[in-house]
């Protein structure tokens, strides 16, 4: 099991002391994703009503986005939008990070608690959310461009055109997903918990992912597996899978990143 560091045992931070650009990360063992899922499931059981409501809201948002895409541009746009929703999933899970954080400190969880800090947390979260939304919109435009190039006749196109479309689309979508995972795997929970800036949180996340490549690959594959199961069930499984993954992401951050040099929010 990875080395544990008790953040509560640290002395208060001297405000005059300059903070590093990047928070150190721990070396993880291969079993880490299993622990995160177990802890995420435990948080779901502890706050069942709030977490499941959160998952239901995520499901409804996906249905609305998919319906709008289908009405505007047909089934191919629907496919692009649904696949692109994975890019803004980390933003949608901010409230779940907050619930797990509150459970850790012994509070009665409130979904609005993460919005109470007035020292920059909300601004950084909003800015990062805008970055991911821009990536999402850019992916939609790329998907539409691929459709124009390879599928002029939609699903009635030739088999080779369909193969090229889905093959290239998968590769390009994978690049978007990797970028999103690297910059958001640990950054949003860090911004929410600690008084840190966006750049530090993003660089910390990228560093932690690169220093734990095998574990990061397994964790990313686990998330994609959850998305795939949700799609197979018509997204209904998202009501449970999304909260579990959201809570698990918080525990992944807690175990991976040592952010004790930065003062706690609230």
C-alpha atoms as a PDB file:
ATOM      1  CA  UNK A   1       0.000   0.000   0.000  1.00  0.00           C
ATOM      2  CA  UNK A   2       1.200   3.496  -0.788  1.00  0.00           C
ATOM      3  CA  UNK A   3       2.817   5.659   1.862  1.00  0.00           C
ATOM      4  CA  UNK A   4       0.271   7.595   3.897  1.00  0.00           C
ATOM      5  CA  UNK A   5       0.800  11.150   5.112  1.00  0.00           C
ATOM      6  CA  UNK A   6      -1.369  12.594   7.858  1.00  0.00           C
ATOM      7  CA  UNK A   7      -2.255  16.105   6.676  1.00  0.00           C
ATOM      8  CA  UNK A   8      -3.788  16.968  10.042  1.00  0.00           C
ATOM      9  CA  UNK A   9      -0.423  16.543  11.744  1.00  0.00           C
ATOM     10  CA  UNK A  10       1.160  19.353   9.756  1.00  0.00           C
ATOM     11  CA  UNK A  11       1.808  22.678  11.395  1.00  0.00           C
ATOM     12  CA  UNK A  12      -0.140  25.709  10.112  1.00  0.00           C
ATOM     13  CA  UNK A  13       1.377  27.205   7.001  1.00  0.00           C
ATOM     14  CA  UNK A  14       3.370  30.365   7.391  1.00  0.00           C
ATOM     15  CA  UNK A  15       1.718  32.778   4.946  1.00  0.00           C
ATOM     16  CA  UNK A  16       5.068  34.453   4.299  1.00  0.00           C
ATOM     17  CA  UNK A  17       6.659  31.231   3.124  1.00  0.00           C
ATOM     18  CA  UNK A  18       6.530  30.859  -0.664  1.00  0.00           C
ATOM     19  CA  UNK A  19       4.620  27.824  -1.837  1.00  0.00           C
ATOM     20  CA  UNK A  20       6.077  25.433  -4.421  1.00  0.00           C
ATOM     21  CA  UNK A  21       4.726  25.367  -7.974  1.00  0.00           C
ATOM     22  CA  UNK A  22       3.763  21.723  -7.691  1.00  0.00           C
ATOM     23  CA  UNK A  23       2.533  19.490  -4.874  1.00  0.00           C
ATOM     24  CA  UNK A  24       4.495  16.252  -4.350  1.00  0.00           C
ATOM     25  CA  UNK A  25       2.819  12.964  -5.182  1.00  0.00           C
ATOM     26  CA  UNK A  26       3.095   9.528  -3.645  1.00  0.00           C
ATOM     27  CA  UNK A  27       4.117   6.372  -5.477  1.00  0.00           C
ATOM     28  CA  UNK A  28       1.026   4.199  -5.826  1.00  0.00           C
ATOM     29  CA  UNK A  29       0.719   0.441  -5.856  1.00  0.00           C
ATOM     30  CA  UNK A  30      -1.271  -1.444  -8.466  1.00  0.00           C
ATOM     31  CA  UNK A  31      -4.167  -2.117  -6.047  1.00  0.00           C
ATOM     32  CA  UNK A  32      -4.898   1.597  -5.539  1.00  0.00           C
ATOM     33  CA  UNK A  33      -7.874   1.844  -7.962  1.00  0.00           C
ATOM     34  CA  UNK A  34      -9.621  -1.017  -6.141  1.00  0.00           C
ATOM     35  CA  UNK A  35      -9.255   0.848  -2.841  1.00  0.00           C
ATOM     36  CA  UNK A  36     -10.622   4.035  -4.368  1.00  0.00           C
ATOM     37  CA  UNK A  37     -13.680   2.221  -5.692  1.00  0.00           C
ATOM     38  CA  UNK A  38     -14.336   0.597  -2.317  1.00  0.00           C
ATOM     39  CA  UNK A  39     -14.053   3.965  -0.566  1.00  0.00           C
ATOM     40  CA  UNK A  40     -16.248   5.594  -3.214  1.00  0.00           C
ATOM     41  CA  UNK A  41     -18.898   2.916  -2.720  1.00  0.00           C
ATOM     42  CA  UNK A  42     -18.687   3.409   1.049  1.00  0.00           C
ATOM     43  CA  UNK A  43     -19.307   7.159   0.615  1.00  0.00           C
ATOM     44  CA  UNK A  44     -22.285   6.395  -1.633  1.00  0.00           C
ATOM     45  CA  UNK A  45     -23.770   4.132   1.038  1.00  0.00           C
ATOM     46  CA  UNK A  46     -23.165   6.763   3.722  1.00  0.00           C
ATOM     47  CA  UNK A  47     -24.881   9.562   1.766  1.00  0.00           C
ATOM     48  CA  UNK A  48     -27.149   7.446  -0.396  1.00  0.00           C
ATOM     49  CA  UNK A  49     -29.913   9.976  -1.006  1.00  0.00           C
ATOM     50  CA  UNK A  50     -27.681  12.955  -1.874  1.00  0.00           C
ATOM     51  CA  UNK A  51     -25.313  10.929  -4.054  1.00  0.00           C
ATOM     52  CA  UNK A  52     -28.068   9.167  -5.998  1.00  0.00           C
ATOM     53  CA  UNK A  53     -29.875  12.460  -6.575  1.00  0.00           C
ATOM     54  CA  UNK A  54     -26.593  13.788  -7.953  1.00  0.00           C
ATOM     55  CA  UNK A  55     -26.349  10.761 -10.244  1.00  0.00           C
ATOM     56  CA  UNK A  56     -29.939  11.283 -11.396  1.00  0.00           C
ATOM     57  CA  UNK A  57     -29.198  14.911 -12.268  1.00  0.00           C
ATOM     58  CA  UNK A  58     -26.160  13.776 -14.296  1.00  0.00           C
ATOM     59  CA  UNK A  59     -28.370  11.251 -16.113  1.00  0.00           C
ATOM     60  CA  UNK A  60     -30.966  13.905 -16.980  1.00  0.00           C
ATOM     61  CA  UNK A  61     -28.251  16.270 -18.231  1.00  0.00           C
ATOM     62  CA  UNK A  62     -26.940  13.536 -20.534  1.00  0.00           C
ATOM     63  CA  UNK A  63     -30.437  12.818 -21.840  1.00  0.00           C
ATOM     64  CA  UNK A  64     -31.110  16.496 -22.534  1.00  0.00           C
ATOM     65  CA  UNK A  65     -27.750  16.970 -24.299  1.00  0.00           C
ATOM     66  CA  UNK A  66     -28.282  13.796 -26.332  1.00  0.00           C
ATOM     67  CA  UNK A  67     -31.820  14.771 -27.311  1.00  0.00           C
ATOM     68  CA  UNK A  68     -30.724  18.243 -28.428  1.00  0.00           C
ATOM     69  CA  UNK A  69     -27.900  16.763 -30.501  1.00  0.00           C
ATOM     70  CA  UNK A  70     -30.203  14.199 -32.088  1.00  0.00           C
ATOM     71  CA  UNK A  71     -32.832  16.799 -33.001  1.00  0.00           C
ATOM     72  CA  UNK A  72     -30.294  19.227 -34.451  1.00  0.00           C
ATOM     73  CA  UNK A  73     -27.987  16.907 -36.410  1.00  0.00           C
ATOM     74  CA  UNK A  74     -29.192  13.316 -36.134  1.00  0.00           C
ATOM     75  CA  UNK A  75     -27.749  10.137 -34.614  1.00  0.00           C
ATOM     76  CA  UNK A  76     -24.107  10.869 -35.478  1.00  0.00           C
ATOM     77  CA  UNK A  77     -24.211  14.156 -33.554  1.00  0.00           C
ATOM     78  CA  UNK A  78     -25.835  12.279 -30.678  1.00  0.00           C
ATOM     79  CA  UNK A  79     -22.890   9.849 -30.650  1.00  0.00           C
ATOM     80  CA  UNK A  80     -20.373  12.701 -30.667  1.00  0.00           C
ATOM     81  CA  UNK A  81     -22.092  14.556 -27.836  1.00  0.00           C
ATOM     82  CA  UNK A  82     -22.467  11.493 -25.615  1.00  0.00           C
ATOM     83  CA  UNK A  83     -18.810  10.554 -26.083  1.00  0.00           C
ATOM     84  CA  UNK A  84     -17.801  14.145 -25.390  1.00  0.00           C
ATOM     85  CA  UNK A  85     -19.690  14.206 -22.099  1.00  0.00           C
ATOM     86  CA  UNK A  86     -16.774  12.273 -20.608  1.00  0.00           C
ATOM     87  CA  UNK A  87     -14.733  15.466 -21.072  1.00  0.00           C
ATOM     88  CA  UNK A  88     -16.906  17.474 -18.689  1.00  0.00           C
ATOM     89  CA  UNK A  89     -17.567  14.613 -16.268  1.00  0.00           C
ATOM     90  CA  UNK A  90     -14.899  15.886 -13.799  1.00  0.00           C
ATOM     91  CA  UNK A  91     -16.688  19.239 -13.578  1.00  0.00           C
ATOM     92  CA  UNK A  92     -20.073  17.575 -13.099  1.00  0.00           C
ATOM     93  CA  UNK A  93     -18.620  15.631 -10.142  1.00  0.00           C
ATOM     94  CA  UNK A  94     -17.465  18.661  -8.110  1.00  0.00           C
ATOM     95  CA  UNK A  95     -20.341  18.271  -5.660  1.00  0.00           C
ATOM     96  CA  UNK A  96     -19.410  14.614  -5.100  1.00  0.00           C
ATOM     97  CA  UNK A  97     -15.832  15.608  -4.235  1.00  0.00           C
ATOM     98  CA  UNK A  98     -17.272  18.071  -1.738  1.00  0.00           C
ATOM     99  CA  UNK A  99     -19.498  15.417  -0.133  1.00  0.00           C
ATOM    100  CA  UNK A 100     -16.523  13.081   0.373  1.00  0.00           C
ATOM    101  CA  UNK A 101     -14.445  15.957   1.747  1.00  0.00           C
ATOM    102  CA  UNK A 102     -17.157  16.815   4.259  1.00  0.00           C
ATOM    103  CA  UNK A 103     -17.450  13.184   5.330  1.00  0.00           C
ATOM    104  CA  UNK A 104     -13.700  13.154   5.979  1.00  0.00           C
ATOM    105  CA  UNK A 105     -13.994  16.159   8.313  1.00  0.00           C
ATOM    106  CA  UNK A 106     -17.068  14.795  10.093  1.00  0.00           C
ATOM    107  CA  UNK A 107     -19.567  17.305   8.723  1.00  0.00           C
ATOM    108  CA  UNK A 108     -23.120  16.588   7.651  1.00  0.00           C
ATOM    109  CA  UNK A 109     -22.689  16.759   3.853  1.00  0.00           C
ATOM    110  CA  UNK A 110     -24.272  19.662   1.973  1.00  0.00           C
ATOM    111  CA  UNK A 111     -24.114  19.926  -1.820  1.00  0.00           C
ATOM    112  CA  UNK A 112     -23.628  23.706  -1.626  1.00  0.00           C
ATOM    113  CA  UNK A 113     -20.706  23.611   0.814  1.00  0.00           C
ATOM    114  CA  UNK A 114     -17.986  23.788  -1.853  1.00  0.00           C
ATOM    115  CA  UNK A 115     -19.415  27.129  -3.061  1.00  0.00           C
ATOM    116  CA  UNK A 116     -19.084  28.916   0.289  1.00  0.00           C
ATOM    117  CA  UNK A 117     -15.397  29.784   0.115  1.00  0.00           C
ATOM    118  CA  UNK A 118     -14.823  33.388  -0.939  1.00  0.00           C
ATOM    119  CA  UNK A 119     -11.013  33.293  -1.328  1.00  0.00           C
ATOM    120  CA  UNK A 120     -10.720  32.160  -4.940  1.00  0.00           C
ATOM    121  CA  UNK A 121     -11.885  28.559  -4.872  1.00  0.00           C
ATOM    122  CA  UNK A 122     -15.086  29.208  -6.781  1.00  0.00           C
ATOM    123  CA  UNK A 123     -13.260  31.361  -9.341  1.00  0.00           C
ATOM    124  CA  UNK A 124     -10.639  28.687 -10.007  1.00  0.00           C
ATOM    125  CA  UNK A 125     -13.290  25.980 -10.244  1.00  0.00           C
ATOM    126  CA  UNK A 126     -15.288  28.112 -12.682  1.00  0.00           C
ATOM    127  CA  UNK A 127     -12.203  28.833 -14.796  1.00  0.00           C
ATOM    128  CA  UNK A 128     -11.258  25.168 -14.966  1.00  0.00           C
ATOM    129  CA  UNK A 129     -14.856  24.302 -15.818  1.00  0.00           C
ATOM    130  CA  UNK A 130     -14.678  26.727 -18.743  1.00  0.00           C
ATOM    131  CA  UNK A 131     -11.498  25.019 -20.000  1.00  0.00           C
ATOM    132  CA  UNK A 132     -13.179  21.602 -20.013  1.00  0.00           C
ATOM    133  CA  UNK A 133     -16.348  22.974 -21.600  1.00  0.00           C
ATOM    134  CA  UNK A 134     -14.249  24.522 -24.374  1.00  0.00           C
ATOM    135  CA  UNK A 135     -12.594  21.129 -24.936  1.00  0.00           C
ATOM    136  CA  UNK A 136     -16.053  19.573 -25.061  1.00  0.00           C
ATOM    137  CA  UNK A 137     -17.332  22.075 -27.635  1.00  0.00           C
ATOM    138  CA  UNK A 138     -14.149  21.718 -29.680  1.00  0.00           C
ATOM    139  CA  UNK A 139     -14.606  17.934 -29.707  1.00  0.00           C
ATOM    140  CA  UNK A 140     -18.169  18.373 -30.990  1.00  0.00           C
ATOM    141  CA  UNK A 141     -16.889  20.529 -33.859  1.00  0.00           C
ATOM    142  CA  UNK A 142     -14.146  17.990 -34.639  1.00  0.00           C
ATOM    143  CA  UNK A 143     -16.713  15.190 -34.663  1.00  0.00           C
ATOM    144  CA  UNK A 144     -18.926  17.176 -37.009  1.00  0.00           C
ATOM    145  CA  UNK A 145     -15.958  17.844 -39.299  1.00  0.00           C
ATOM    146  CA  UNK A 146     -15.090  14.129 -39.404  1.00  0.00           C
ATOM    147  CA  UNK A 147     -18.696  13.384 -40.288  1.00  0.00           C
ATOM    148  CA  UNK A 148     -18.565  15.827 -43.202  1.00  0.00           C
ATOM    149  CA  UNK A 149     -15.289  14.371 -44.481  1.00  0.00           C
ATOM    150  CA  UNK A 150     -15.985  10.653 -44.119  1.00  0.00           C
ATOM    151  CA  UNK A 151     -19.757  10.220 -43.872  1.00  0.00           C
ATOM    152  CA  UNK A 152     -21.453  12.442 -46.407  1.00  0.00           C
ATOM    153  CA  UNK A 153     -24.366   9.972 -46.518  1.00  0.00           C
ATOM    154  CA  UNK A 154     -24.552   9.321 -42.777  1.00  0.00           C
ATOM    155  CA  UNK A 155     -24.959   5.700 -41.697  1.00  0.00           C
ATOM    156  CA  UNK A 156     -25.840   4.812 -45.319  1.00  0.00           C
ATOM    157  CA  UNK A 157     -22.227   5.450 -46.327  1.00  0.00           C
ATOM    158  CA  UNK A 158     -19.930   2.725 -47.643  1.00  0.00           C
ATOM    159  CA  UNK A 159     -18.459   0.281 -45.080  1.00  0.00           C
ATOM    160  CA  UNK A 160     -14.928   1.620 -45.570  1.00  0.00           C
ATOM    161  CA  UNK A 161     -16.130   5.152 -44.912  1.00  0.00           C
ATOM    162  CA  UNK A 162     -17.745   4.000 -41.678  1.00  0.00           C
ATOM    163  CA  UNK A 163     -14.543   2.201 -40.653  1.00  0.00           C
ATOM    164  CA  UNK A 164     -12.428   5.306 -41.313  1.00  0.00           C
ATOM    165  CA  UNK A 165     -14.910   7.525 -39.471  1.00  0.00           C
ATOM    166  CA  UNK A 166     -15.092   5.411 -36.334  1.00  0.00           C
ATOM    167  CA  UNK A 167     -11.382   4.575 -36.405  1.00  0.00           C
ATOM    168  CA  UNK A 168     -10.158   8.146 -36.734  1.00  0.00           C
ATOM    169  CA  UNK A 169     -12.894   9.390 -34.402  1.00  0.00           C
ATOM    170  CA  UNK A 170     -11.794   6.921 -31.738  1.00  0.00           C
ATOM    171  CA  UNK A 171      -8.153   8.009 -32.027  1.00  0.00           C
ATOM    172  CA  UNK A 172      -8.969  11.725 -31.935  1.00  0.00           C
ATOM    173  CA  UNK A 173     -11.454  11.233 -29.101  1.00  0.00           C
ATOM    174  CA  UNK A 174      -8.817   9.255 -27.213  1.00  0.00           C
ATOM    175  CA  UNK A 175      -6.410  12.180 -27.458  1.00  0.00           C
ATOM    176  CA  UNK A 176      -9.052  14.526 -26.030  1.00  0.00           C
ATOM    177  CA  UNK A 177      -9.801  12.030 -23.243  1.00  0.00           C
ATOM    178  CA  UNK A 178      -6.103  11.636 -22.326  1.00  0.00           C
ATOM    179  CA  UNK A 179      -5.607  15.399 -22.137  1.00  0.00           C
ATOM    180  CA  UNK A 180      -8.713  15.790 -19.995  1.00  0.00           C
ATOM    181  CA  UNK A 181      -7.722  12.947 -17.680  1.00  0.00           C
ATOM    182  CA  UNK A 182      -4.187  14.276 -17.151  1.00  0.00           C
ATOM    183  CA  UNK A 183      -5.243  17.816 -16.281  1.00  0.00           C
ATOM    184  CA  UNK A 184      -8.288  16.908 -14.185  1.00  0.00           C
ATOM    185  CA  UNK A 185      -7.497  13.603 -12.443  1.00  0.00           C
ATOM    186  CA  UNK A 186      -6.423  15.333  -9.210  1.00  0.00           C
ATOM    187  CA  UNK A 187      -6.699  19.065  -9.889  1.00  0.00           C
ATOM    188  CA  UNK A 188     -10.369  19.748  -9.164  1.00  0.00           C
ATOM    189  CA  UNK A 189     -10.371  18.021  -5.742  1.00  0.00           C
ATOM    190  CA  UNK A 190      -7.187  19.926  -4.865  1.00  0.00           C
ATOM    191  CA  UNK A 191      -8.698  23.289  -5.853  1.00  0.00           C
ATOM    192  CA  UNK A 192     -11.813  22.513  -3.861  1.00  0.00           C
ATOM    193  CA  UNK A 193      -9.950  21.466  -0.693  1.00  0.00           C
ATOM    194  CA  UNK A 194      -6.860  23.713  -0.678  1.00  0.00           C
ATOM    195  CA  UNK A 195      -6.165  27.396  -1.236  1.00  0.00           C
ATOM    196  CA  UNK A 196      -4.207  26.861  -4.411  1.00  0.00           C
ATOM    197  CA  UNK A 197      -4.241  28.344  -7.896  1.00  0.00           C
ATOM    198  CA  UNK A 198      -5.365  26.666 -11.093  1.00  0.00           C
ATOM    199  CA  UNK A 199      -1.875  26.318 -12.604  1.00  0.00           C
ATOM    200  CA  UNK A 200      -0.479  24.552  -9.537  1.00  0.00           C
ATOM    201  CA  UNK A 201      -3.410  22.139  -9.412  1.00  0.00           C
ATOM    202  CA  UNK A 202      -3.178  21.270 -13.125  1.00  0.00           C
ATOM    203  CA  UNK A 203       0.615  20.793 -13.105  1.00  0.00           C
ATOM    204  CA  UNK A 204       0.298  18.692  -9.944  1.00  0.00           C
ATOM    205  CA  UNK A 205      -2.316  16.486 -11.624  1.00  0.00           C
ATOM    206  CA  UNK A 206      -0.201  15.972 -14.751  1.00  0.00           C
ATOM    207  CA  UNK A 207       2.862  15.162 -12.655  1.00  0.00           C
ATOM    208  CA  UNK A 208       0.948  12.642 -10.511  1.00  0.00           C
ATOM    209  CA  UNK A 209      -0.452  10.899 -13.598  1.00  0.00           C
ATOM    210  CA  UNK A 210       2.945  10.661 -15.310  1.00  0.00           C
ATOM    211  CA  UNK A 211       4.703   9.408 -12.157  1.00  0.00           C
ATOM    212  CA  UNK A 212       2.115   6.654 -11.704  1.00  0.00           C
ATOM    213  CA  UNK A 213       1.567   5.632 -15.318  1.00  0.00           C
ATOM    214  CA  UNK A 214       0.409   2.051 -14.713  1.00  0.00           C
ATOM    215  CA  UNK A 215      -2.011   2.978 -11.953  1.00  0.00           C
ATOM    216  CA  UNK A 216      -3.240   5.977 -13.968  1.00  0.00           C
ATOM    217  CA  UNK A 217      -3.877   3.731 -16.978  1.00  0.00           C
ATOM    218  CA  UNK A 218      -5.857   1.280 -14.834  1.00  0.00           C
ATOM    219  CA  UNK A 219      -7.834   4.101 -13.244  1.00  0.00           C
ATOM    220  CA  UNK A 220      -8.602   5.701 -16.622  1.00  0.00           C
ATOM    221  CA  UNK A 221      -9.646   2.295 -17.992  1.00  0.00           C
ATOM    222  CA  UNK A 222     -11.887   1.809 -14.954  1.00  0.00           C
ATOM    223  CA  UNK A 223     -13.597   5.128 -15.618  1.00  0.00           C
ATOM    224  CA  UNK A 224     -14.080   4.288 -19.296  1.00  0.00           C
ATOM    225  CA  UNK A 225     -15.426   0.887 -18.279  1.00  0.00           C
ATOM    226  CA  UNK A 226     -17.998   2.621 -16.103  1.00  0.00           C
ATOM    227  CA  UNK A 227     -18.949   4.877 -19.013  1.00  0.00           C
ATOM    228  CA  UNK A 228     -19.282   1.851 -21.312  1.00  0.00           C
ATOM    229  CA  UNK A 229     -21.539   0.029 -18.840  1.00  0.00           C
ATOM    230  CA  UNK A 230     -23.659   3.171 -18.582  1.00  0.00           C
ATOM    231  CA  UNK A 231     -24.015   3.371 -22.369  1.00  0.00           C
ATOM    232  CA  UNK A 232     -24.962  -0.318 -22.619  1.00  0.00           C
ATOM    233  CA  UNK A 233     -27.743   0.232 -20.062  1.00  0.00           C
ATOM    234  CA  UNK A 234     -29.062   3.290 -21.854  1.00  0.00           C
ATOM    235  CA  UNK A 235     -27.217   5.483 -19.329  1.00  0.00           C
ATOM    236  CA  UNK A 236     -29.453   4.249 -16.485  1.00  0.00           C
ATOM    237  CA  UNK A 237     -26.463   2.753 -14.655  1.00  0.00           C
ATOM    238  CA  UNK A 238     -24.984   6.257 -14.583  1.00  0.00           C
ATOM    239  CA  UNK A 239     -27.203   7.038 -11.588  1.00  0.00           C
ATOM    240  CA  UNK A 240     -25.017   4.740  -9.463  1.00  0.00           C
ATOM    241  CA  UNK A 241     -21.743   4.609 -11.414  1.00  0.00           C
ATOM    242  CA  UNK A 242     -21.272   8.374 -11.607  1.00  0.00           C
ATOM    243  CA  UNK A 243     -21.474   8.979  -7.828  1.00  0.00           C
ATOM    244  CA  UNK A 244     -19.185   6.018  -7.101  1.00  0.00           C
ATOM    245  CA  UNK A 245     -16.558   7.294  -9.550  1.00  0.00           C
ATOM    246  CA  UNK A 246     -16.926  10.858  -8.255  1.00  0.00           C
ATOM    247  CA  UNK A 247     -16.389   9.846  -4.634  1.00  0.00           C
ATOM    248  CA  UNK A 248     -13.573   7.490  -5.664  1.00  0.00           C
ATOM    249  CA  UNK A 249     -11.830  10.361  -7.480  1.00  0.00           C
ATOM    250  CA  UNK A 250     -11.721  12.308  -4.228  1.00  0.00           C
ATOM    251  CA  UNK A 251     -10.059   9.380  -2.459  1.00  0.00           C
ATOM    252  CA  UNK A 252      -7.654   8.992  -5.381  1.00  0.00           C
ATOM    253  CA  UNK A 253      -6.563  12.595  -4.854  1.00  0.00           C
ATOM    254  CA  UNK A 254      -6.244  12.108  -1.086  1.00  0.00           C
ATOM    255  CA  UNK A 255      -4.008   9.078  -1.484  1.00  0.00           C
ATOM    256  CA  UNK A 256      -1.923  10.388  -4.377  1.00  0.00           C
ATOM    257  CA  UNK A 257      -1.247  14.085  -3.727  1.00  0.00           C
ATOM    258  CA  UNK A 258       0.396  15.568  -0.629  1.00  0.00           C
ATOM    259  CA  UNK A 259      -1.105  19.059  -0.654  1.00  0.00           C
ATOM    260  CA  UNK A 260      -0.471  19.741   3.029  1.00  0.00           C
ATOM    261  CA  UNK A 261       1.741  22.749   2.221  1.00  0.00           C
ATOM    262  CA  UNK A 262      -1.338  24.661   1.089  1.00  0.00           C
ATOM    263  CA  UNK A 263      -3.855  25.883   3.694  1.00  0.00           C
ATOM    264  CA  UNK A 264      -7.296  24.320   3.804  1.00  0.00           C
ATOM    265  CA  UNK A 265     -10.296  26.252   2.539  1.00  0.00           C
ATOM    266  CA  UNK A 266     -13.054  27.028   5.047  1.00  0.00           C
END
